[in-house]
Amino acid sequence: MYIESGIFQDYGINNFSLRRQVSMRKRKKLKKRKEPVNYEGRKYTDYLKFIEDNPTISTTQMDTVYNH
């Protein structure tokens, strides 16, 4: 903070003279993914009811992986 405000400028120290200060980049803030709000018809209990009502239909499970 002192360096950015120029207090040490008389001594030859500024932002460009500091190697770490120059080489570091600001990091991006990650946005959180929005989850669907309406889970109606997509819950496990709905799946169990579907299997009970349709015993001859074969089903497949699919998992989704989010990369954060």
PDB file of N, CA and C in Angstrom:
ATOM      1  N   MET A   1       0.813  -1.169   0.000  1.00  0.00           N
ATOM      2  CA  MET A   1       0.000   0.000   0.000  1.00  0.00           C
ATOM      3  C   MET A   1       0.874   1.257   0.000  1.00  0.00           C
ATOM      4  N   TYR A   2       1.989   1.203   0.734  1.00  0.00           N
ATOM      5  CA  TYR A   2       2.884   2.357   0.744  1.00  0.00           C
ATOM      6  C   TYR A   2       3.508   2.577  -0.628  1.00  0.00           C
ATOM      7  N   ILE A   3       3.808   1.465  -1.301  1.00  0.00           N
ATOM      8  CA  ILE A   3       4.473   1.573  -2.601  1.00  0.00           C
ATOM      9  C   ILE A   3       3.514   2.158  -3.634  1.00  0.00           C
ATOM     10  N   GLU A   4       2.241   1.698  -3.618  1.00  0.00           N
ATOM     11  CA  GLU A   4       1.257   2.222  -4.561  1.00  0.00           C
ATOM     12  C   GLU A   4       1.012   3.719  -4.347  1.00  0.00           C
ATOM     13  N   SER A   5       1.086   4.176  -3.107  1.00  0.00           N
ATOM     14  CA  SER A   5       0.830   5.583  -2.849  1.00  0.00           C
ATOM     15  C   SER A   5       2.044   6.468  -3.141  1.00  0.00           C
ATOM     16  N   GLY A   6       3.227   5.864  -3.388  1.00  0.00           N
ATOM     17  CA  GLY A   6       4.394   6.624  -3.808  1.00  0.00           C
ATOM     18  C   GLY A   6       5.257   7.146  -2.675  1.00  0.00           C
ATOM     19  N   ILE A   7       5.123   6.617  -1.473  1.00  0.00           N
ATOM     20  CA  ILE A   7       5.913   7.087  -0.334  1.00  0.00           C
ATOM     21  C   ILE A   7       7.404   6.792  -0.530  1.00  0.00           C
ATOM     22  N   PHE A   8       7.734   5.619  -1.098  1.00  0.00           N
ATOM     23  CA  PHE A   8       9.137   5.229  -1.275  1.00  0.00           C
ATOM     24  C   PHE A   8       9.705   5.631  -2.630  1.00  0.00           C
ATOM     25  N   GLN A   9       9.033   6.478  -3.369  1.00  0.00           N
ATOM     26  CA  GLN A   9       9.479   6.873  -4.700  1.00  0.00           C
ATOM     27  C   GLN A   9      10.806   7.643  -4.644  1.00  0.00           C
ATOM     28  N   ASP A  10      11.059   8.384  -3.596  1.00  0.00           N
ATOM     29  CA  ASP A  10      12.317   9.117  -3.447  1.00  0.00           C
ATOM     30  C   ASP A  10      13.510   8.174  -3.321  1.00  0.00           C
ATOM     31  N   TYR A  11      13.263   6.946  -2.858  1.00  0.00           N
ATOM     32  CA  TYR A  11      14.343   5.963  -2.676  1.00  0.00           C
ATOM     33  C   TYR A  11      14.495   5.037  -3.881  1.00  0.00           C
ATOM     34  N   GLY A  12      13.769   5.298  -4.933  1.00  0.00           N
ATOM     35  CA  GLY A  12      13.889   4.494  -6.151  1.00  0.00           C
ATOM     36  C   GLY A  12      13.073   3.215  -6.128  1.00  0.00           C
ATOM     37  N   ILE A  13      12.122   3.126  -5.242  1.00  0.00           N
ATOM     38  CA  ILE A  13      11.275   1.934  -5.158  1.00  0.00           C
ATOM     39  C   ILE A  13       9.891   2.310  -5.667  1.00  0.00           C
ATOM     40  N   ASN A  14       9.484   1.617  -6.716  1.00  0.00           N
ATOM     41  CA  ASN A  14       8.133   1.806  -7.238  1.00  0.00           C
ATOM     42  C   ASN A  14       7.577   0.448  -7.645  1.00  0.00           C
ATOM     43  N   ASN A  15       6.394   0.430  -8.224  1.00  0.00           N
ATOM     44  CA  ASN A  15       5.758  -0.836  -8.598  1.00  0.00           C
ATOM     45  C   ASN A  15       6.597  -1.643  -9.583  1.00  0.00           C
ATOM     46  N   PHE A  16       7.288  -0.980 -10.489  1.00  0.00           N
ATOM     47  CA  PHE A  16       8.029  -1.691 -11.530  1.00  0.00           C
ATOM     48  C   PHE A  16       9.366  -2.222 -11.034  1.00  0.00           C
ATOM     49  N   SER A  17       9.867  -1.718  -9.926  1.00  0.00           N
ATOM     50  CA  SER A  17      11.136  -2.211  -9.416  1.00  0.00           C
ATOM     51  C   SER A  17      10.964  -3.482  -8.590  1.00  0.00           C
ATOM     52  N   LEU A  18       9.778  -3.795  -8.238  1.00  0.00           N
ATOM     53  CA  LEU A  18       9.530  -5.004  -7.455  1.00  0.00           C
ATOM     54  C   LEU A  18       9.124  -6.140  -8.388  1.00  0.00           C
ATOM     55  N   ARG A  19       9.955  -7.145  -8.482  1.00  0.00           N
ATOM     56  CA  ARG A  19       9.734  -8.237  -9.432  1.00  0.00           C
ATOM     57  C   ARG A  19       8.430  -8.980  -9.142  1.00  0.00           C
ATOM     58  N   ARG A  20       8.194  -9.305  -7.907  1.00  0.00           N
ATOM     59  CA  ARG A  20       6.985 -10.056  -7.565  1.00  0.00           C
ATOM     60  C   ARG A  20       5.737  -9.217  -7.834  1.00  0.00           C
ATOM     61  N   GLN A  21       5.798  -7.964  -7.522  1.00  0.00           N
ATOM     62  CA  GLN A  21       4.656  -7.076  -7.737  1.00  0.00           C
ATOM     63  C   GLN A  21       4.295  -7.014  -9.220  1.00  0.00           C
ATOM     64  N   VAL A  22       5.293  -6.988 -10.075  1.00  0.00           N
ATOM     65  CA  VAL A  22       5.047  -6.878 -11.511  1.00  0.00           C
ATOM     66  C   VAL A  22       4.583  -8.207 -12.083  1.00  0.00           C
ATOM     67  N   SER A  23       5.152  -9.329 -11.600  1.00  0.00           N
ATOM     68  CA  SER A  23       4.854 -10.620 -12.211  1.00  0.00           C
ATOM     69  C   SER A  23       3.504 -11.190 -11.776  1.00  0.00           C
ATOM     70  N   MET A  24       2.966 -10.742 -10.678  1.00  0.00           N
ATOM     71  CA  MET A  24       1.694 -11.280 -10.222  1.00  0.00           C
ATOM     72  C   MET A  24       0.536 -10.625 -10.978  1.00  0.00           C
ATOM     73  N   ARG A  25      -0.402 -11.467 -11.434  1.00  0.00           N
ATOM     74  CA  ARG A  25      -1.596 -10.961 -12.095  1.00  0.00           C
ATOM     75  C   ARG A  25      -2.780 -11.086 -11.149  1.00  0.00           C
ATOM     76  N   LYS A  26      -3.752 -10.252 -11.324  1.00  0.00           N
ATOM     77  CA  LYS A  26      -4.960 -10.361 -10.524  1.00  0.00           C
ATOM     78  C   LYS A  26      -5.707 -11.614 -10.949  1.00  0.00           C
ATOM     79  N   ARG A  27      -6.239 -12.321  -9.979  1.00  0.00           N
ATOM     80  CA  ARG A  27      -6.958 -13.559 -10.255  1.00  0.00           C
ATOM     81  C   ARG A  27      -8.418 -13.280 -10.556  1.00  0.00           C
ATOM     82  N   LYS A  28      -8.964 -14.096 -11.445  1.00  0.00           N
ATOM     83  CA  LYS A  28     -10.369 -13.953 -11.791  1.00  0.00           C
ATOM     84  C   LYS A  28     -11.227 -14.567 -10.695  1.00  0.00           C
ATOM     85  N   LYS A  29     -12.347 -13.948 -10.425  1.00  0.00           N
ATOM     86  CA  LYS A  29     -13.284 -14.508  -9.472  1.00  0.00           C
ATOM     87  C   LYS A  29     -14.180 -15.491 -10.210  1.00  0.00           C
ATOM     88  N   LEU A  30     -14.311 -16.695  -9.657  1.00  0.00           N
ATOM     89  CA  LEU A  30     -15.145 -17.706 -10.279  1.00  0.00           C
ATOM     90  C   LEU A  30     -16.603 -17.478  -9.902  1.00  0.00           C
ATOM     91  N   LYS A  31     -17.458 -17.595 -10.895  1.00  0.00           N
ATOM     92  CA  LYS A  31     -18.886 -17.475 -10.645  1.00  0.00           C
ATOM     93  C   LYS A  31     -19.429 -18.860 -10.309  1.00  0.00           C
ATOM     94  N   LYS A  32     -20.272 -18.925  -9.311  1.00  0.00           N
ATOM     95  CA  LYS A  32     -20.887 -20.197  -8.959  1.00  0.00           C
ATOM     96  C   LYS A  32     -21.960 -20.530  -9.983  1.00  0.00           C
ATOM     97  N   ARG A  33     -22.062 -21.816 -10.280  1.00  0.00           N
ATOM     98  CA  ARG A  33     -23.097 -22.249 -11.219  1.00  0.00           C
ATOM     99  C   ARG A  33     -24.457 -22.181 -10.539  1.00  0.00           C
ATOM    100  N   LYS A  34     -25.429 -21.766 -11.314  1.00  0.00           N
ATOM    101  CA  LYS A  34     -26.782 -21.693 -10.778  1.00  0.00           C
ATOM    102  C   LYS A  34     -27.425 -23.073 -10.909  1.00  0.00           C
ATOM    103  N   GLU A  35     -27.920 -23.564  -9.812  1.00  0.00           N
ATOM    104  CA  GLU A  35     -28.615 -24.846  -9.807  1.00  0.00           C
ATOM    105  C   GLU A  35     -30.068 -24.623 -10.220  1.00  0.00           C
ATOM    106  N   PRO A  36     -30.653 -25.592 -10.910  1.00  0.00           N
ATOM    107  CA  PRO A  36     -32.069 -25.441 -11.250  1.00  0.00           C
ATOM    108  C   PRO A  36     -32.920 -25.399  -9.980  1.00  0.00           C
ATOM    109  N   VAL A  37     -33.868 -24.500  -9.949  1.00  0.00           N
ATOM    110  CA  VAL A  37     -34.683 -24.304  -8.757  1.00  0.00           C
ATOM    111  C   VAL A  37     -35.811 -25.318  -8.704  1.00  0.00           C
ATOM    112  N   ASN A  38     -36.392 -25.633  -9.839  1.00  0.00           N
ATOM    113  CA  ASN A  38     -37.558 -26.506  -9.892  1.00  0.00           C
ATOM    114  C   ASN A  38     -37.123 -27.958 -10.088  1.00  0.00           C
ATOM    115  N   TYR A  39     -37.234 -28.760  -9.023  1.00  0.00           N
ATOM    116  CA  TYR A  39     -36.881 -30.176  -9.098  1.00  0.00           C
ATOM    117  C   TYR A  39     -38.116 -31.056  -9.266  1.00  0.00           C
ATOM    118  N   GLU A  40     -39.239 -30.478  -9.582  1.00  0.00           N
ATOM    119  CA  GLU A  40     -40.479 -31.242  -9.692  1.00  0.00           C
ATOM    120  C   GLU A  40     -40.377 -32.257 -10.833  1.00  0.00           C
ATOM    121  N   GLY A  41     -40.630 -33.508 -10.513  1.00  0.00           N
ATOM    122  CA  GLY A  41     -40.564 -34.576 -11.502  1.00  0.00           C
ATOM    123  C   GLY A  41     -39.165 -35.125 -11.716  1.00  0.00           C
ATOM    124  N   ARG A  42     -38.193 -34.644 -10.960  1.00  0.00           N
ATOM    125  CA  ARG A  42     -36.810 -35.110 -11.127  1.00  0.00           C
ATOM    126  C   ARG A  42     -36.198 -35.625  -9.827  1.00  0.00           C
ATOM    127  N   LYS A  43     -37.020 -35.912  -8.853  1.00  0.00           N
ATOM    128  CA  LYS A  43     -36.529 -36.411  -7.573  1.00  0.00           C
ATOM    129  C   LYS A  43     -36.473 -37.931  -7.601  1.00  0.00           C
ATOM    130  N   TYR A  44     -35.768 -38.491  -6.625  1.00  0.00           N
ATOM    131  CA  TYR A  44     -35.621 -39.944  -6.548  1.00  0.00           C
ATOM    132  C   TYR A  44     -36.966 -40.620  -6.288  1.00  0.00           C
ATOM    133  N   THR A  45     -37.809 -39.975  -5.523  1.00  0.00           N
ATOM    134  CA  THR A  45     -39.140 -40.548  -5.270  1.00  0.00           C
ATOM    135  C   THR A  45     -39.957 -40.610  -6.558  1.00  0.00           C
ATOM    136  N   ASP A  46     -39.794 -39.620  -7.432  1.00  0.00           N
ATOM    137  CA  ASP A  46     -40.481 -39.649  -8.728  1.00  0.00           C
ATOM    138  C   ASP A  46     -39.964 -40.803  -9.582  1.00  0.00           C
ATOM    139  N   TYR A  47     -38.675 -41.054  -9.507  1.00  0.00           N
ATOM    140  CA  TYR A  47     -38.078 -42.177 -10.244  1.00  0.00           C
ATOM    141  C   TYR A  47     -38.630 -43.512  -9.739  1.00  0.00           C
ATOM    142  N   LEU A  48     -38.702 -43.657  -8.419  1.00  0.00           N
ATOM    143  CA  LEU A  48     -39.229 -44.903  -7.853  1.00  0.00           C
ATOM    144  C   LEU A  48     -40.687 -45.119  -8.247  1.00  0.00           C
ATOM    145  N   LYS A  49     -41.462 -44.045  -8.281  1.00  0.00           N
ATOM    146  CA  LYS A  49     -42.861 -44.163  -8.698  1.00  0.00           C
ATOM    147  C   LYS A  49     -42.964 -44.555 -10.177  1.00  0.00           C
ATOM    148  N   PHE A  50     -42.078 -43.981 -11.013  1.00  0.00           N
ATOM    149  CA  PHE A  50     -42.064 -44.324 -12.429  1.00  0.00           C
ATOM    150  C   PHE A  50     -41.733 -45.799 -12.635  1.00  0.00           C
ATOM    151  N   ILE A  51     -40.751 -46.299 -11.889  1.00  0.00           N
ATOM    152  CA  ILE A  51     -40.381 -47.719 -11.998  1.00  0.00           C
ATOM    153  C   ILE A  51     -41.542 -48.612 -11.559  1.00  0.00           C
ATOM    154  N   GLU A  52     -42.227 -48.200 -10.518  1.00  0.00           N
ATOM    155  CA  GLU A  52     -43.363 -48.986 -10.026  1.00  0.00           C
ATOM    156  C   GLU A  52     -44.506 -48.998 -11.038  1.00  0.00           C
ATOM    157  N   ASP A  53     -44.765 -47.854 -11.674  1.00  0.00           N
ATOM    158  CA  ASP A  53     -45.855 -47.758 -12.649  1.00  0.00           C
ATOM    159  C   ASP A  53     -45.500 -48.427 -13.979  1.00  0.00           C
ATOM    160  N   ASN A  54     -44.210 -48.491 -14.338  1.00  0.00           N
ATOM    161  CA  ASN A  54     -43.764 -49.042 -15.620  1.00  0.00           C
ATOM    162  C   ASN A  54     -42.682 -50.106 -15.386  1.00  0.00           C
ATOM    163  N   PRO A  55     -43.073 -51.296 -14.951  1.00  0.00           N
ATOM    164  CA  PRO A  55     -42.065 -52.318 -14.623  1.00  0.00           C
ATOM    165  C   PRO A  55     -41.358 -52.914 -15.852  1.00  0.00           C
ATOM    166  N   THR A  56     -41.917 -52.774 -17.037  1.00  0.00           N
ATOM    167  CA  THR A  56     -41.305 -53.381 -18.222  1.00  0.00           C
ATOM    168  C   THR A  56     -40.285 -52.470 -18.896  1.00  0.00           C
ATOM    169  N   ILE A  57     -40.242 -51.213 -18.533  1.00  0.00           N
ATOM    170  CA  ILE A  57     -39.309 -50.266 -19.156  1.00  0.00           C
ATOM    171  C   ILE A  57     -37.970 -50.332 -18.435  1.00  0.00           C
ATOM    172  N   SER A  58     -36.905 -50.500 -19.214  1.00  0.00           N
ATOM    173  CA  SER A  58     -35.572 -50.504 -18.600  1.00  0.00           C
ATOM    174  C   SER A  58     -35.087 -49.062 -18.446  1.00  0.00           C
ATOM    175  N   THR A  59     -34.304 -48.820 -17.411  1.00  0.00           N
ATOM    176  CA  THR A  59     -33.813 -47.473 -17.139  1.00  0.00           C
ATOM    177  C   THR A  59     -32.290 -47.472 -17.082  1.00  0.00           C
ATOM    178  N   THR A  60     -31.729 -46.298 -17.230  1.00  0.00           N
ATOM    179  CA  THR A  60     -30.282 -46.097 -17.160  1.00  0.00           C
ATOM    180  C   THR A  60     -30.002 -44.911 -16.248  1.00  0.00           C
ATOM    181  N   GLN A  61     -28.949 -45.038 -15.465  1.00  0.00           N
ATOM    182  CA  GLN A  61     -28.579 -43.955 -14.556  1.00  0.00           C
ATOM    183  C   GLN A  61     -27.489 -43.121 -15.207  1.00  0.00           C
ATOM    184  N   MET A  62     -27.600 -41.797 -15.067  1.00  0.00           N
ATOM    185  CA  MET A  62     -26.589 -40.896 -15.616  1.00  0.00           C
ATOM    186  C   MET A  62     -26.219 -39.887 -14.536  1.00  0.00           C
ATOM    187  N   ASP A  63     -24.927 -39.748 -14.265  1.00  0.00           N
ATOM    188  CA  ASP A  63     -24.454 -38.770 -13.298  1.00  0.00           C
ATOM    189  C   ASP A  63     -23.857 -37.583 -14.033  1.00  0.00           C
ATOM    190  N   THR A  64     -23.986 -36.423 -13.432  1.00  0.00           N
ATOM    191  CA  THR A  64     -23.410 -35.202 -13.998  1.00  0.00           C
ATOM    192  C   THR A  64     -22.348 -34.688 -13.053  1.00  0.00           C
ATOM    193  N   VAL A  65     -21.191 -34.344 -13.597  1.00  0.00           N
ATOM    194  CA  VAL A  65     -20.102 -33.835 -12.783  1.00  0.00           C
ATOM    195  C   VAL A  65     -19.833 -32.388 -13.205  1.00  0.00           C
ATOM    196  N   TYR A  66     -19.865 -31.483 -12.240  1.00  0.00           N
ATOM    197  CA  TYR A  66     -19.552 -30.083 -12.502  1.00  0.00           C
ATOM    198  C   TYR A  66     -18.079 -29.850 -12.212  1.00  0.00           C
ATOM    199  N   ASN A  67     -17.436 -29.108 -13.085  1.00  0.00           N
ATOM    200  CA  ASN A  67     -16.036 -28.768 -12.893  1.00  0.00           C
ATOM    201  C   ASN A  67     -15.955 -27.338 -12.398  1.00  0.00           C
ATOM    202  N   HIS A  68     -15.586 -27.170 -11.143  1.00  0.00           N
ATOM    203  CA  HIS A  68     -15.485 -25.821 -10.559  1.00  0.00           C
ATOM    204  C   HIS A  68     -14.072 -25.391 -10.502  1.00  0.00           C
TER     205      HIS A  68
END
